[in-house]
């Protein structure tokens, strides 16, 4: 069962403006990455459903994070169908993210007041997702559409909360472009966690990079 409801989760995501996205088949590596991000100021973290027995790792990570990172909303990403969403919600997912929009997932999440953030690529998809209760929608892949897509969408639909993933880098110029265009938050994966950094176990790098990104985002928001 989720530790935080939809309102609380969206508030955490909105406050920081950044959701790290990560998967590793080693539970200890995942714990270290989550803790490093948490110490860097992150309060919403997306673990992705991308490997064999990923749900087993996630279940253990949720129980560990409840004690070690008490204010963290731990969510699940790369979810493409309703049964998978239900599985992870049962394991304690605080939000569900997908690379695509599957209408069957929305009622499963809504029933438990768990945010569903589907991947959308058109204004119509985003509008339909909002109609089905998706307060936050994901523009994916972000590097295909660019900041102008967000700016153009928000002109007629200013209430839209957009997370952009794909094409987001932990760099001042990149982050400023997205937030000035009007995104609610950004999702960052491999560029926030370079493979050599993870392999070396340089968790201080991750913590410092998260702090740096959050400072850039705060300044970009004005």
N, C-alpha and C. Protein backbone atom coordinates (compact mmCIF):
# COMPACT_ATOMS: atom_id res chain seq x y z
N UNK A 1 0.85 -1.20 0.00
CA UNK A 1 0.00 0.00 0.00
C UNK A 1 0.88 1.25 0.00
N UNK A 2 0.47 2.24 -0.74
CA UNK A 2 1.24 3.47 -0.86
C UNK A 2 1.30 4.22 0.47
N UNK A 3 2.46 4.78 0.76
CA UNK A 3 2.64 5.55 1.99
C UNK A 3 2.10 6.97 1.86
N UNK A 4 2.07 7.49 0.62
CA UNK A 4 1.61 8.86 0.38
C UNK A 4 0.50 8.84 -0.67
N UNK A 5 -0.52 9.66 -0.49
CA UNK A 5 -1.60 9.70 -1.48
C UNK A 5 -1.23 10.62 -2.64
N UNK A 6 -2.14 10.72 -3.59
CA UNK A 6 -1.89 11.48 -4.81
C UNK A 6 -1.51 12.93 -4.54
N UNK A 7 -2.23 13.58 -3.66
CA UNK A 7 -1.95 15.00 -3.36
C UNK A 7 -0.54 15.17 -2.80
N UNK A 8 -0.17 14.30 -1.87
CA UNK A 8 1.14 14.40 -1.24
C UNK A 8 2.26 14.12 -2.24
N UNK A 9 2.06 13.13 -3.10
CA UNK A 9 3.08 12.77 -4.07
C UNK A 9 3.30 13.89 -5.08
N UNK A 10 2.22 14.44 -5.60
CA UNK A 10 2.34 15.52 -6.57
C UNK A 10 3.00 16.75 -5.93
N UNK A 11 2.74 16.96 -4.65
CA UNK A 11 3.36 18.10 -3.95
C UNK A 11 4.87 17.89 -3.84
N UNK A 12 5.30 16.67 -3.56
CA UNK A 12 6.73 16.37 -3.45
C UNK A 12 7.42 16.55 -4.80
N UNK A 13 6.78 16.04 -5.84
CA UNK A 13 7.36 16.17 -7.18
C UNK A 13 7.41 17.63 -7.61
N UNK A 14 6.34 18.34 -7.33
CA UNK A 14 6.28 19.74 -7.71
C UNK A 14 7.26 20.61 -6.96
N UNK A 15 7.48 20.29 -5.71
CA UNK A 15 8.38 21.10 -4.88
C UNK A 15 9.83 21.02 -5.37
N UNK A 16 10.27 19.81 -5.71
CA UNK A 16 11.65 19.65 -6.15
C UNK A 16 11.82 19.82 -7.66
N UNK A 17 10.83 19.36 -8.41
CA UNK A 17 10.88 19.52 -9.86
C UNK A 17 11.74 18.49 -10.58
N UNK A 18 12.20 17.47 -9.85
CA UNK A 18 13.07 16.46 -10.48
C UNK A 18 12.78 15.08 -9.92
N UNK A 19 12.67 14.11 -10.84
CA UNK A 19 12.45 12.71 -10.45
C UNK A 19 13.56 11.86 -11.08
N UNK A 20 14.51 11.39 -10.28
CA UNK A 20 15.54 10.50 -10.81
C UNK A 20 14.91 9.19 -11.27
N UNK A 21 15.43 8.64 -12.36
CA UNK A 21 14.91 7.40 -12.94
C UNK A 21 16.06 6.39 -12.98
N UNK A 22 15.86 5.22 -12.33
CA UNK A 22 16.99 4.29 -12.21
C UNK A 22 16.54 2.84 -12.09
N UNK A 23 17.36 1.95 -12.65
CA UNK A 23 17.18 0.50 -12.44
C UNK A 23 18.54 -0.17 -12.34
N UNK A 24 18.63 -1.11 -11.43
CA UNK A 24 19.80 -1.97 -11.35
C UNK A 24 19.35 -3.28 -10.72
N UNK A 25 19.91 -4.38 -11.16
CA UNK A 25 19.51 -5.67 -10.64
C UNK A 25 20.08 -6.01 -9.29
N UNK A 26 20.93 -5.13 -8.76
CA UNK A 26 21.54 -5.36 -7.45
C UNK A 26 20.86 -4.47 -6.42
N UNK A 27 20.24 -5.08 -5.43
CA UNK A 27 19.50 -4.33 -4.42
C UNK A 27 20.38 -3.33 -3.68
N UNK A 28 21.60 -3.71 -3.34
CA UNK A 28 22.48 -2.81 -2.59
C UNK A 28 22.85 -1.58 -3.40
N UNK A 29 23.07 -1.77 -4.69
CA UNK A 29 23.36 -0.63 -5.56
C UNK A 29 22.16 0.32 -5.57
N UNK A 30 20.97 -0.26 -5.68
CA UNK A 30 19.75 0.55 -5.70
C UNK A 30 19.60 1.35 -4.40
N UNK A 31 19.87 0.70 -3.28
CA UNK A 31 19.78 1.39 -1.98
C UNK A 31 20.75 2.58 -1.93
N UNK A 32 21.97 2.35 -2.40
CA UNK A 32 22.97 3.42 -2.36
C UNK A 32 22.60 4.59 -3.26
N UNK A 33 22.05 4.29 -4.43
CA UNK A 33 21.65 5.34 -5.35
C UNK A 33 20.48 6.14 -4.78
N UNK A 34 19.48 5.44 -4.25
CA UNK A 34 18.32 6.11 -3.66
C UNK A 34 18.75 6.99 -2.49
N UNK A 35 19.60 6.46 -1.63
CA UNK A 35 20.06 7.23 -0.46
C UNK A 35 20.86 8.46 -0.89
N UNK A 36 21.69 8.30 -1.92
CA UNK A 36 22.49 9.43 -2.41
C UNK A 36 21.59 10.53 -2.95
N UNK A 37 20.56 10.14 -3.66
CA UNK A 37 19.61 11.13 -4.20
C UNK A 37 18.84 11.81 -3.07
N UNK A 38 18.43 11.02 -2.10
CA UNK A 38 17.67 11.55 -0.97
C UNK A 38 18.50 12.59 -0.21
N UNK A 39 19.75 12.27 0.00
CA UNK A 39 20.64 13.20 0.70
C UNK A 39 20.91 14.45 -0.13
N UNK A 40 20.71 14.33 -1.44
CA UNK A 40 20.88 15.48 -2.32
C UNK A 40 19.64 16.34 -2.42
N UNK A 41 18.56 15.95 -1.73
CA UNK A 41 17.34 16.74 -1.71
C UNK A 41 16.17 16.17 -2.48
N UNK A 42 16.36 15.05 -3.14
CA UNK A 42 15.30 14.41 -3.92
C UNK A 42 14.23 13.84 -2.99
N UNK A 43 12.96 14.01 -3.37
CA UNK A 43 11.87 13.48 -2.54
C UNK A 43 10.89 12.62 -3.34
N UNK A 44 11.19 12.37 -4.61
CA UNK A 44 10.41 11.45 -5.44
C UNK A 44 11.38 10.73 -6.36
N UNK A 45 11.32 9.41 -6.37
CA UNK A 45 12.28 8.61 -7.10
C UNK A 45 11.55 7.52 -7.88
N UNK A 46 11.91 7.37 -9.16
CA UNK A 46 11.27 6.37 -10.03
C UNK A 46 12.21 5.18 -10.28
N UNK A 47 11.81 4.04 -9.75
CA UNK A 47 12.52 2.79 -10.03
C UNK A 47 11.84 2.18 -11.24
N UNK A 48 12.61 1.74 -12.23
CA UNK A 48 11.98 1.26 -13.46
C UNK A 48 11.84 -0.26 -13.52
N UNK A 49 10.74 -0.69 -14.08
CA UNK A 49 10.41 -2.11 -14.22
C UNK A 49 11.07 -2.66 -15.49
N UNK A 50 12.38 -2.87 -15.42
CA UNK A 50 13.10 -3.21 -16.64
C UNK A 50 13.91 -4.50 -16.61
N UNK A 51 13.93 -5.19 -15.51
CA UNK A 51 14.74 -6.40 -15.43
C UNK A 51 13.96 -7.56 -14.85
N UNK A 52 14.49 -8.78 -15.00
CA UNK A 52 13.86 -9.95 -14.41
C UNK A 52 13.78 -9.79 -12.89
N UNK A 53 12.62 -10.12 -12.34
CA UNK A 53 12.37 -10.04 -10.90
C UNK A 53 12.54 -8.62 -10.35
N UNK A 54 12.29 -7.64 -11.20
CA UNK A 54 12.39 -6.24 -10.77
C UNK A 54 11.42 -5.96 -9.62
N UNK A 55 10.28 -6.63 -9.64
CA UNK A 55 9.29 -6.39 -8.57
C UNK A 55 9.80 -6.86 -7.22
N UNK A 56 10.65 -7.89 -7.21
CA UNK A 56 11.20 -8.37 -5.94
C UNK A 56 12.18 -7.35 -5.36
N UNK A 57 12.98 -6.77 -6.23
CA UNK A 57 13.91 -5.73 -5.79
C UNK A 57 13.13 -4.53 -5.27
N UNK A 58 12.09 -4.15 -6.01
CA UNK A 58 11.29 -2.99 -5.63
C UNK A 58 10.64 -3.19 -4.26
N UNK A 59 10.09 -4.38 -4.03
CA UNK A 59 9.44 -4.65 -2.75
C UNK A 59 10.39 -4.47 -1.57
N UNK A 60 11.62 -4.93 -1.73
CA UNK A 60 12.61 -4.77 -0.67
C UNK A 60 13.05 -3.31 -0.54
N UNK A 61 13.14 -2.64 -1.67
CA UNK A 61 13.56 -1.24 -1.67
C UNK A 61 12.53 -0.36 -0.96
N UNK A 62 11.25 -0.66 -1.17
CA UNK A 62 10.18 0.10 -0.52
C UNK A 62 10.28 -0.03 1.00
N UNK A 63 10.46 -1.23 1.48
CA UNK A 63 10.54 -1.46 2.93
C UNK A 63 11.78 -0.78 3.53
N UNK A 64 12.87 -0.83 2.80
CA UNK A 64 14.11 -0.19 3.26
C UNK A 64 13.96 1.33 3.28
N UNK A 65 13.39 1.89 2.20
CA UNK A 65 13.26 3.35 2.08
C UNK A 65 12.33 3.93 3.13
N UNK A 66 11.35 3.18 3.55
CA UNK A 66 10.41 3.66 4.57
C UNK A 66 11.14 4.01 5.86
N UNK A 67 12.23 3.31 6.12
CA UNK A 67 13.01 3.55 7.34
C UNK A 67 14.16 4.52 7.10
N UNK A 68 14.85 4.35 5.98
CA UNK A 68 16.06 5.13 5.72
C UNK A 68 15.81 6.47 5.02
N UNK A 69 14.71 6.55 4.27
CA UNK A 69 14.37 7.78 3.54
C UNK A 69 12.89 8.06 3.76
N UNK A 70 12.49 8.39 4.98
CA UNK A 70 11.08 8.47 5.36
C UNK A 70 10.21 9.45 4.58
N UNK A 71 10.80 10.47 3.98
CA UNK A 71 10.00 11.45 3.24
C UNK A 71 10.00 11.19 1.73
N UNK A 72 10.59 10.07 1.32
CA UNK A 72 10.70 9.76 -0.11
C UNK A 72 9.47 9.05 -0.64
N UNK A 73 8.93 9.55 -1.74
CA UNK A 73 7.86 8.88 -2.47
C UNK A 73 8.53 8.03 -3.55
N UNK A 74 8.52 6.73 -3.36
CA UNK A 74 9.16 5.82 -4.30
C UNK A 74 8.11 5.29 -5.27
N UNK A 75 8.34 5.53 -6.57
CA UNK A 75 7.37 5.11 -7.58
C UNK A 75 7.97 4.11 -8.54
N UNK A 76 7.13 3.61 -9.45
CA UNK A 76 7.57 2.62 -10.42
C UNK A 76 7.38 3.16 -11.84
N UNK A 77 8.36 2.89 -12.70
CA UNK A 77 8.28 3.35 -14.08
C UNK A 77 8.31 2.20 -15.07
N UNK A 78 8.18 2.51 -16.34
CA UNK A 78 8.18 1.54 -17.43
C UNK A 78 7.02 0.55 -17.29
N UNK A 79 5.87 1.05 -16.84
CA UNK A 79 4.68 0.22 -16.69
C UNK A 79 3.77 0.43 -17.91
N UNK A 80 3.42 -0.67 -18.58
CA UNK A 80 2.64 -0.56 -19.82
C UNK A 80 1.28 -1.24 -19.76
N UNK A 81 0.97 -1.93 -18.64
CA UNK A 81 -0.33 -2.60 -18.56
C UNK A 81 -0.87 -2.56 -17.13
N UNK A 82 -2.17 -2.75 -17.00
CA UNK A 82 -2.84 -2.64 -15.71
C UNK A 82 -2.42 -3.70 -14.69
N UNK A 83 -2.25 -4.96 -15.08
CA UNK A 83 -1.82 -5.96 -14.08
C UNK A 83 -0.48 -5.61 -13.44
N UNK A 84 0.45 -5.08 -14.24
CA UNK A 84 1.75 -4.70 -13.69
C UNK A 84 1.60 -3.53 -12.73
N UNK A 85 0.74 -2.58 -13.08
CA UNK A 85 0.49 -1.45 -12.19
C UNK A 85 -0.07 -1.94 -10.86
N UNK A 86 -1.02 -2.86 -10.91
CA UNK A 86 -1.64 -3.39 -9.70
C UNK A 86 -0.61 -4.11 -8.83
N UNK A 87 0.28 -4.87 -9.47
CA UNK A 87 1.33 -5.58 -8.73
C UNK A 87 2.19 -4.61 -7.94
N UNK A 88 2.63 -3.55 -8.61
CA UNK A 88 3.53 -2.61 -7.94
C UNK A 88 2.81 -1.75 -6.91
N UNK A 89 1.57 -1.45 -7.13
CA UNK A 89 0.81 -0.71 -6.13
C UNK A 89 0.68 -1.55 -4.86
N UNK A 90 0.46 -2.85 -5.04
CA UNK A 90 0.37 -3.76 -3.91
C UNK A 90 1.70 -3.81 -3.14
N UNK A 91 2.80 -3.61 -3.85
CA UNK A 91 4.12 -3.62 -3.23
C UNK A 91 4.49 -2.27 -2.60
N UNK A 92 3.63 -1.26 -2.80
CA UNK A 92 3.86 0.02 -2.15
C UNK A 92 4.25 1.18 -3.04
N UNK A 93 4.08 1.04 -4.36
CA UNK A 93 4.42 2.14 -5.27
C UNK A 93 3.58 3.37 -4.96
N UNK A 94 4.25 4.52 -4.86
CA UNK A 94 3.54 5.77 -4.57
C UNK A 94 3.08 6.49 -5.83
N UNK A 95 3.62 6.10 -6.97
CA UNK A 95 3.14 6.62 -8.25
C UNK A 95 3.57 5.65 -9.34
N UNK A 96 2.87 5.73 -10.47
CA UNK A 96 3.11 4.83 -11.60
C UNK A 96 3.38 5.66 -12.85
N UNK A 97 4.47 5.34 -13.53
CA UNK A 97 4.86 6.07 -14.74
C UNK A 97 4.98 5.07 -15.89
N UNK A 98 4.60 5.49 -17.08
CA UNK A 98 4.72 4.61 -18.24
C UNK A 98 5.30 5.33 -19.44
N UNK A 99 5.87 4.59 -20.38
CA UNK A 99 6.39 5.19 -21.61
C UNK A 99 5.28 5.49 -22.61
N UNK A 100 4.10 4.92 -22.34
CA UNK A 100 2.94 5.09 -23.22
C UNK A 100 1.70 5.31 -22.37
N UNK A 101 0.58 5.60 -23.03
CA UNK A 101 -0.68 5.84 -22.34
C UNK A 101 -1.61 4.64 -22.55
N UNK A 102 -1.89 3.94 -21.47
CA UNK A 102 -2.81 2.81 -21.50
C UNK A 102 -4.01 3.17 -20.62
N UNK A 103 -5.17 3.34 -21.22
CA UNK A 103 -6.35 3.77 -20.48
C UNK A 103 -6.75 2.79 -19.38
N UNK A 104 -6.38 1.53 -19.50
CA UNK A 104 -6.75 0.53 -18.50
C UNK A 104 -6.01 0.74 -17.17
N UNK A 105 -4.88 1.43 -17.22
CA UNK A 105 -4.10 1.64 -16.00
C UNK A 105 -4.73 2.72 -15.12
N UNK A 106 -5.36 3.72 -15.73
CA UNK A 106 -5.90 4.86 -14.98
C UNK A 106 -6.86 4.47 -13.86
N UNK A 107 -7.89 3.64 -14.12
CA UNK A 107 -8.80 3.31 -13.01
C UNK A 107 -8.16 2.49 -11.90
N UNK A 108 -7.17 1.67 -12.25
CA UNK A 108 -6.46 0.89 -11.23
C UNK A 108 -5.76 1.84 -10.25
N UNK A 109 -5.11 2.86 -10.80
CA UNK A 109 -4.40 3.84 -9.96
C UNK A 109 -5.37 4.76 -9.24
N UNK A 110 -6.40 5.21 -9.94
CA UNK A 110 -7.35 6.14 -9.33
C UNK A 110 -8.05 5.53 -8.12
N UNK A 111 -8.32 4.23 -8.20
CA UNK A 111 -9.03 3.56 -7.12
C UNK A 111 -8.25 3.64 -5.80
N UNK A 112 -6.92 3.71 -5.90
CA UNK A 112 -6.06 3.77 -4.70
C UNK A 112 -5.46 5.16 -4.49
N UNK A 113 -5.93 6.14 -5.25
CA UNK A 113 -5.41 7.51 -5.17
C UNK A 113 -3.90 7.54 -5.41
N UNK A 114 -3.46 6.73 -6.39
CA UNK A 114 -2.05 6.69 -6.78
C UNK A 114 -1.91 7.42 -8.12
N UNK A 115 -1.04 8.41 -8.23
CA UNK A 115 -0.86 9.13 -9.48
C UNK A 115 -0.39 8.21 -10.61
N UNK A 116 -1.04 8.34 -11.76
CA UNK A 116 -0.59 7.64 -12.97
C UNK A 116 -0.11 8.68 -13.95
N UNK A 117 1.16 8.61 -14.30
CA UNK A 117 1.77 9.56 -15.23
C UNK A 117 2.11 8.82 -16.52
N UNK A 118 1.22 8.87 -17.51
CA UNK A 118 1.46 8.14 -18.75
C UNK A 118 2.32 8.91 -19.74
N UNK A 119 3.03 8.19 -20.57
CA UNK A 119 3.82 8.81 -21.61
C UNK A 119 2.93 9.20 -22.77
N UNK A 120 2.97 10.45 -23.16
CA UNK A 120 2.11 10.96 -24.23
C UNK A 120 2.97 11.70 -25.26
N UNK A 121 2.48 11.72 -26.51
CA UNK A 121 3.23 12.39 -27.56
C UNK A 121 2.43 13.40 -28.35
N UNK A 122 1.14 13.55 -28.01
CA UNK A 122 0.30 14.53 -28.71
C UNK A 122 -0.56 15.29 -27.71
N UNK A 123 -1.07 16.42 -28.14
CA UNK A 123 -1.95 17.22 -27.30
C UNK A 123 -3.22 16.43 -26.99
N UNK A 124 -3.72 15.69 -27.97
CA UNK A 124 -4.94 14.90 -27.77
C UNK A 124 -4.73 13.80 -26.74
N UNK A 125 -3.57 13.14 -26.78
CA UNK A 125 -3.27 12.10 -25.79
C UNK A 125 -3.21 12.69 -24.39
N UNK A 126 -2.57 13.83 -24.27
CA UNK A 126 -2.47 14.49 -22.97
C UNK A 126 -3.86 14.88 -22.48
N UNK A 127 -4.69 15.41 -23.36
CA UNK A 127 -6.05 15.79 -23.00
C UNK A 127 -6.88 14.59 -22.55
N UNK A 128 -6.75 13.47 -23.25
CA UNK A 128 -7.50 12.26 -22.88
C UNK A 128 -7.02 11.73 -21.54
N UNK A 129 -5.71 11.77 -21.31
CA UNK A 129 -5.16 11.30 -20.04
C UNK A 129 -5.69 12.16 -18.89
N UNK A 130 -5.75 13.46 -19.09
CA UNK A 130 -6.28 14.36 -18.07
C UNK A 130 -7.75 14.05 -17.79
N UNK A 131 -8.48 13.74 -18.84
CA UNK A 131 -9.90 13.40 -18.71
C UNK A 131 -10.09 12.17 -17.82
N UNK A 132 -9.13 11.26 -17.87
CA UNK A 132 -9.22 10.02 -17.09
C UNK A 132 -8.53 10.13 -15.73
N UNK A 133 -8.18 11.35 -15.33
CA UNK A 133 -7.67 11.56 -13.98
C UNK A 133 -6.16 11.61 -13.83
N UNK A 134 -5.45 11.73 -14.93
CA UNK A 134 -3.98 11.82 -14.85
C UNK A 134 -3.58 13.28 -14.67
N UNK A 135 -3.35 13.67 -13.43
CA UNK A 135 -3.00 15.07 -13.14
C UNK A 135 -1.64 15.44 -13.74
N UNK A 136 -0.74 14.46 -13.79
CA UNK A 136 0.60 14.68 -14.33
C UNK A 136 0.79 13.75 -15.52
N UNK A 137 1.17 14.31 -16.66
CA UNK A 137 1.42 13.49 -17.84
C UNK A 137 2.88 13.67 -18.27
N UNK A 138 3.42 12.62 -18.90
CA UNK A 138 4.82 12.63 -19.29
C UNK A 138 4.97 12.85 -20.78
N UNK A 139 5.74 13.85 -21.16
CA UNK A 139 6.08 14.06 -22.56
C UNK A 139 7.29 13.19 -22.84
N UNK A 140 7.10 12.18 -23.70
CA UNK A 140 8.17 11.22 -23.94
C UNK A 140 8.14 10.74 -25.39
N UNK A 141 9.31 10.64 -26.02
CA UNK A 141 10.63 11.07 -25.53
C UNK A 141 10.82 12.57 -25.72
N UNK A 142 11.30 13.22 -24.67
CA UNK A 142 11.41 14.67 -24.68
C UNK A 142 12.29 15.24 -25.76
N UNK A 143 13.37 14.53 -26.09
CA UNK A 143 14.30 15.06 -27.09
C UNK A 143 13.72 15.05 -28.49
N UNK A 144 12.66 14.29 -28.70
CA UNK A 144 11.99 14.28 -30.01
C UNK A 144 11.12 15.53 -30.17
N UNK A 145 10.47 15.95 -29.08
CA UNK A 145 9.53 17.07 -29.15
C UNK A 145 10.15 18.42 -28.80
N UNK A 146 10.97 18.45 -27.77
CA UNK A 146 11.63 19.69 -27.39
C UNK A 146 10.78 20.63 -26.55
N UNK A 147 11.39 21.65 -25.95
CA UNK A 147 10.70 22.60 -25.08
C UNK A 147 9.54 23.34 -25.77
N UNK A 148 9.65 23.56 -27.07
CA UNK A 148 8.59 24.29 -27.76
C UNK A 148 7.26 23.55 -27.71
N UNK A 149 7.30 22.23 -27.63
CA UNK A 149 6.08 21.43 -27.51
C UNK A 149 5.36 21.78 -26.21
N UNK A 150 6.12 21.90 -25.15
CA UNK A 150 5.55 22.23 -23.84
C UNK A 150 4.96 23.63 -23.86
N UNK A 151 5.73 24.56 -24.40
CA UNK A 151 5.28 25.95 -24.47
C UNK A 151 4.02 26.08 -25.30
N UNK A 152 3.99 25.38 -26.44
CA UNK A 152 2.82 25.43 -27.32
C UNK A 152 1.59 24.81 -26.68
N UNK A 153 1.78 23.70 -25.98
CA UNK A 153 0.67 23.01 -25.32
C UNK A 153 0.05 23.86 -24.22
N UNK A 154 0.89 24.53 -23.43
CA UNK A 154 0.40 25.26 -22.27
C UNK A 154 -0.32 26.56 -22.62
N UNK A 155 -0.18 27.00 -23.86
CA UNK A 155 -0.91 28.22 -24.25
C UNK A 155 -2.42 27.99 -24.17
N UNK A 156 -2.97 26.94 -24.82
CA UNK A 156 -4.41 26.69 -24.71
C UNK A 156 -4.80 25.83 -23.51
N UNK A 157 -3.80 25.16 -22.87
CA UNK A 157 -4.10 24.28 -21.74
C UNK A 157 -3.15 24.59 -20.58
N UNK A 158 -3.25 25.80 -20.02
CA UNK A 158 -2.30 26.26 -19.01
C UNK A 158 -2.32 25.47 -17.71
N UNK A 159 -3.38 24.69 -17.49
CA UNK A 159 -3.48 23.90 -16.27
C UNK A 159 -2.62 22.63 -16.32
N UNK A 160 -2.09 22.31 -17.47
CA UNK A 160 -1.37 21.06 -17.67
C UNK A 160 -0.09 20.97 -16.85
N UNK A 161 0.08 19.83 -16.20
CA UNK A 161 1.31 19.54 -15.47
C UNK A 161 2.08 18.50 -16.29
N UNK A 162 3.24 18.91 -16.78
CA UNK A 162 4.01 18.06 -17.68
C UNK A 162 5.35 17.64 -17.07
N UNK A 163 5.59 16.35 -17.09
CA UNK A 163 6.91 15.82 -16.77
C UNK A 163 7.57 15.47 -18.10
N UNK A 164 8.79 15.87 -18.28
CA UNK A 164 9.49 15.51 -19.51
C UNK A 164 10.63 14.57 -19.16
N UNK A 165 10.71 13.48 -19.92
CA UNK A 165 11.77 12.48 -19.73
C UNK A 165 12.34 12.12 -21.09
N UNK A 166 13.65 11.97 -21.14
CA UNK A 166 14.30 11.70 -22.43
C UNK A 166 14.79 13.03 -22.99
N UNK A 167 16.09 13.17 -23.10
CA UNK A 167 16.62 14.44 -23.59
C UNK A 167 16.83 15.47 -22.51
N UNK A 168 16.71 15.05 -21.25
CA UNK A 168 16.96 15.96 -20.14
C UNK A 168 18.34 15.65 -19.58
N UNK A 169 19.15 16.68 -19.41
CA UNK A 169 20.51 16.51 -18.91
C UNK A 169 20.73 17.36 -17.66
N UNK A 170 21.59 16.91 -16.76
CA UNK A 170 21.87 17.67 -15.53
C UNK A 170 22.79 18.85 -15.81
N UNK A 171 22.36 19.71 -16.71
CA UNK A 171 23.15 20.86 -17.13
C UNK A 171 22.29 22.12 -17.09
N UNK A 172 22.88 23.23 -16.78
CA UNK A 172 22.15 24.49 -16.60
C UNK A 172 21.35 24.88 -17.84
N UNK A 173 21.97 24.89 -19.00
CA UNK A 173 21.27 25.31 -20.21
C UNK A 173 20.08 24.42 -20.53
N UNK A 174 20.28 23.12 -20.38
CA UNK A 174 19.22 22.17 -20.69
C UNK A 174 18.04 22.32 -19.73
N UNK A 175 18.31 22.34 -18.45
CA UNK A 175 17.24 22.44 -17.46
C UNK A 175 16.50 23.76 -17.56
N UNK A 176 17.23 24.84 -17.80
CA UNK A 176 16.59 26.15 -17.92
C UNK A 176 15.61 26.19 -19.08
N UNK A 177 15.97 25.57 -20.20
CA UNK A 177 15.08 25.56 -21.37
C UNK A 177 13.76 24.88 -21.06
N UNK A 178 13.83 23.74 -20.36
CA UNK A 178 12.60 23.00 -20.05
C UNK A 178 11.73 23.74 -19.07
N UNK A 179 12.32 24.29 -18.01
CA UNK A 179 11.50 24.95 -17.00
C UNK A 179 10.97 26.30 -17.47
N UNK A 180 11.72 26.98 -18.29
CA UNK A 180 11.21 28.23 -18.85
C UNK A 180 10.09 27.97 -19.84
N UNK A 181 10.08 26.77 -20.42
CA UNK A 181 9.00 26.38 -21.33
C UNK A 181 7.73 26.04 -20.56
N UNK A 182 7.88 25.72 -19.25
CA UNK A 182 6.71 25.49 -18.42
C UNK A 182 6.51 24.09 -17.88
N UNK A 183 7.55 23.24 -17.89
CA UNK A 183 7.35 21.89 -17.34
C UNK A 183 7.13 21.94 -15.84
N UNK A 184 6.42 20.96 -15.34
CA UNK A 184 6.17 20.81 -13.91
C UNK A 184 7.37 20.16 -13.24
N UNK A 185 7.98 19.22 -13.97
CA UNK A 185 9.14 18.51 -13.45
C UNK A 185 9.86 17.80 -14.59
N UNK A 186 11.04 17.29 -14.31
CA UNK A 186 11.80 16.52 -15.29
C UNK A 186 12.18 15.18 -14.69
N UNK A 187 12.31 14.19 -15.56
CA UNK A 187 12.80 12.89 -15.14
C UNK A 187 14.17 12.69 -15.76
N UNK A 188 15.13 12.22 -14.97
CA UNK A 188 16.49 12.02 -15.47
C UNK A 188 17.03 10.66 -15.08
N UNK A 189 17.63 9.97 -16.05
CA UNK A 189 18.16 8.65 -15.78
C UNK A 189 19.65 8.54 -15.98
N UNK A 190 20.05 7.98 -17.12
CA UNK A 190 21.47 7.66 -17.35
C UNK A 190 22.40 8.87 -17.27
N UNK A 191 21.91 10.04 -17.63
CA UNK A 191 22.78 11.21 -17.58
C UNK A 191 23.01 11.70 -16.15
N UNK A 192 22.13 11.29 -15.27
CA UNK A 192 22.30 11.63 -13.86
C UNK A 192 23.14 10.56 -13.15
N UNK A 193 23.09 9.36 -13.71
CA UNK A 193 23.82 8.23 -13.13
C UNK A 193 24.73 7.59 -14.18
N UNK A 194 25.83 8.23 -14.56
CA UNK A 194 26.75 7.65 -15.54
C UNK A 194 27.19 6.26 -15.10
N UNK A 195 27.31 5.34 -16.04
CA UNK A 195 27.64 3.95 -15.70
C UNK A 195 28.96 3.83 -14.94
N UNK A 196 29.92 4.67 -15.30
CA UNK A 196 31.22 4.58 -14.61
C UNK A 196 31.12 5.03 -13.16
N UNK A 197 30.23 5.98 -12.89
CA UNK A 197 30.02 6.46 -11.53
C UNK A 197 29.38 5.37 -10.68
N UNK A 198 28.36 4.71 -11.24
CA UNK A 198 27.67 3.64 -10.52
C UNK A 198 28.63 2.47 -10.27
N UNK A 199 29.39 2.14 -11.30
CA UNK A 199 30.35 1.03 -11.18
C UNK A 199 31.39 1.31 -10.11
N UNK A 200 31.81 2.56 -10.01
CA UNK A 200 32.83 2.93 -9.02
C UNK A 200 32.24 3.14 -7.63
N UNK A 201 30.91 3.20 -7.54
CA UNK A 201 30.27 3.43 -6.25
C UNK A 201 30.51 4.82 -5.72
N UNK A 202 30.59 5.78 -6.64
CA UNK A 202 30.85 7.17 -6.23
C UNK A 202 29.51 7.85 -5.90
N UNK A 203 28.98 7.51 -4.74
CA UNK A 203 27.67 8.03 -4.36
C UNK A 203 27.70 9.51 -4.02
N UNK A 204 28.86 10.02 -3.61
CA UNK A 204 28.99 11.45 -3.32
C UNK A 204 28.76 12.26 -4.60
N UNK A 205 29.20 11.72 -5.73
CA UNK A 205 28.98 12.39 -7.02
C UNK A 205 27.48 12.54 -7.27
N UNK A 206 26.73 11.46 -7.01
CA UNK A 206 25.29 11.49 -7.24
C UNK A 206 24.62 12.52 -6.34
N UNK A 207 24.99 12.52 -5.07
CA UNK A 207 24.42 13.48 -4.13
C UNK A 207 24.70 14.91 -4.57
N UNK A 208 25.92 15.19 -4.92
CA UNK A 208 26.30 16.55 -5.33
C UNK A 208 25.61 16.95 -6.63
N UNK A 209 25.47 16.01 -7.55
CA UNK A 209 24.82 16.32 -8.83
C UNK A 209 23.34 16.62 -8.62
N UNK A 210 22.70 15.89 -7.70
CA UNK A 210 21.30 16.16 -7.40
C UNK A 210 21.14 17.55 -6.79
N UNK A 211 22.01 17.89 -5.84
CA UNK A 211 21.95 19.22 -5.23
C UNK A 211 22.12 20.31 -6.28
N UNK A 212 23.07 20.09 -7.19
CA UNK A 212 23.34 21.06 -8.24
C UNK A 212 22.12 21.25 -9.13
N UNK A 213 21.49 20.14 -9.52
CA UNK A 213 20.31 20.21 -10.39
C UNK A 213 19.15 20.90 -9.70
N UNK A 214 18.93 20.59 -8.45
CA UNK A 214 17.82 21.21 -7.72
C UNK A 214 18.02 22.72 -7.56
N UNK A 215 19.26 23.12 -7.39
CA UNK A 215 19.55 24.57 -7.31
C UNK A 215 19.28 25.24 -8.65
N UNK A 216 19.65 24.58 -9.73
CA UNK A 216 19.42 25.14 -11.08
C UNK A 216 17.92 25.26 -11.33
N UNK A 217 17.18 24.23 -10.96
CA UNK A 217 15.72 24.23 -11.17
C UNK A 217 15.06 25.34 -10.36
N UNK A 218 15.47 25.49 -9.11
CA UNK A 218 14.90 26.54 -8.25
C UNK A 218 15.15 27.91 -8.87
N UNK A 219 16.33 28.13 -9.38
CA UNK A 219 16.66 29.42 -9.98
C UNK A 219 15.89 29.62 -11.29
N UNK A 220 15.75 28.56 -12.07
CA UNK A 220 15.05 28.66 -13.35
C UNK A 220 13.57 28.99 -13.16
N UNK A 221 13.02 28.52 -12.07
CA UNK A 221 11.60 28.80 -11.77
C UNK A 221 11.40 30.24 -11.30
N UNK A 222 12.52 30.87 -10.90
CA UNK A 222 12.45 32.28 -10.49
C UNK A 222 11.90 32.45 -9.10
